[in-house]
Amino acid sequence: MLRQSGPVNFERYMELCLYHPELGYYMQERERTGVEGDFFTSADLHPVFARLVARQAAEMWEILERPKRFLWVEMGAGSGRFAADFLRRVKATRPDFNEALEYVVVEPGPHRRARALDRITREVDVSRFRAIASTEELDPVTGCFFSNELADAFPVSIVARVAGRLKEVYVEAHGESLRESMGPLTDSAVAAYVARYANQLDEGHRVEVNRRAILWLRSVAEKLKRGFVVTVDYGGLAESLYTSARPRGTLLAYSGHKTTEDFYDAPGDQDMTAHVNFSALIDSGKDAGLTCVGLTTQERFLMALGEANEFADLYDPGQTEEEKLQARLKLKRLIFPGGPEDSRGMGSIFKVLIQSRSIASPQLTGLKFG
């Protein structure tokens, strides 16, 4: 393809690798997460993640004064594991909330969408559930838009400072392989992003520019009539991401639970992700009419939600002591400091951003610890 088109900027290359209709990593009928996939998400580790988020969702419904119809829109739903765990818990513990709940999964890949739909209808007896390809299919929403490890997978531009000037990374075919070249910035918005969030970029250092995340959040804000947006992902505020300690940026490829910086070896057969700039999500949300309710770590979010019943949501009826021990170890990984490159835990590097529209100073349990 690149032999015919010539060089493309990295954002376009990453888009093809991940979202090409037939060959893209996320569009293929393959296992992406869990033991048989290339990486773990919080939902893969233990159902307690979805159970605690369901506890927060019920509180959001109450803050909204218990509307008769509450949409929970999960974007990037993957195989539907989170949705199944979430719905089972709501049905078992909150029949009043369950009566109002309508669950919508958004998954652009038709194979993944069909798989999520099959899983939910097979595992959970729910009538108000549907799977769609895009949020454009939704009417104005009262409820919550939720995503877990979605924004990190949007295509990014890569910008470097070369001889004092900003240059953008391009990808071109070279014989049977691919290689990088440097070229001009493709859009003034890229320069504006770097000026706003990474204006101290050192000579030779790189940063990722995730304009797609900004456009995505704006599209979500347009669909939210009243309620919340919850974004769970790894990353941080701009001042912690764009530092001299990260000369190569944060972009990584994942395959078989191993990371690499060889982004050109297996296009379409490996995941590529970059840390999320939560400063940009907060700013773009504000521009689109969303209020930042709070930004916290996954550790603090889950600890706050589990405190009320001393993490009783962790256990299933009839579990042995050994099974309970294994559950506690999985919870530890969810809240232990670490991150995508650190198999010990996800608690500190994963953040939870909650934004709202048309709600006056909501007090959410998940943000209790700051």
Foldseek 3Di string as FASTA:
>chain_A
DQVVVPKDFQLVLLCCLAPVCDLHQQQDQDDDEDQRHFYHFLLNLALLVLLLVLLLQVVQCVLVVNDQAAEEEEEQCFQQSSVQSNLVNCVVPPVSNLRRYAYEYEGQHPNRQVNNVVVNVVRDPHDRYHYYHDCVPDAAHHHEYEYTADLQQRRWWKWAQAPNDIWTWIWHDDPPFIDIDTHHDPDVVQVVQCVVQPVVGDHQAMEIGRVVSLVVLLVVLVRYPWGKYKYKFFAEASVVQRDPVHRHGFKWKTGSLDIDPPCTPDRSRIGIGHHDHVNSSQVSCVVSAKAWLDKDWQLLLSCLSCVVPVNPVQDDPPDDPVVSVSSVCSVQQDQPDDPSNGSSHHGGRIMMTMITHPRDNDDTSSRVVD
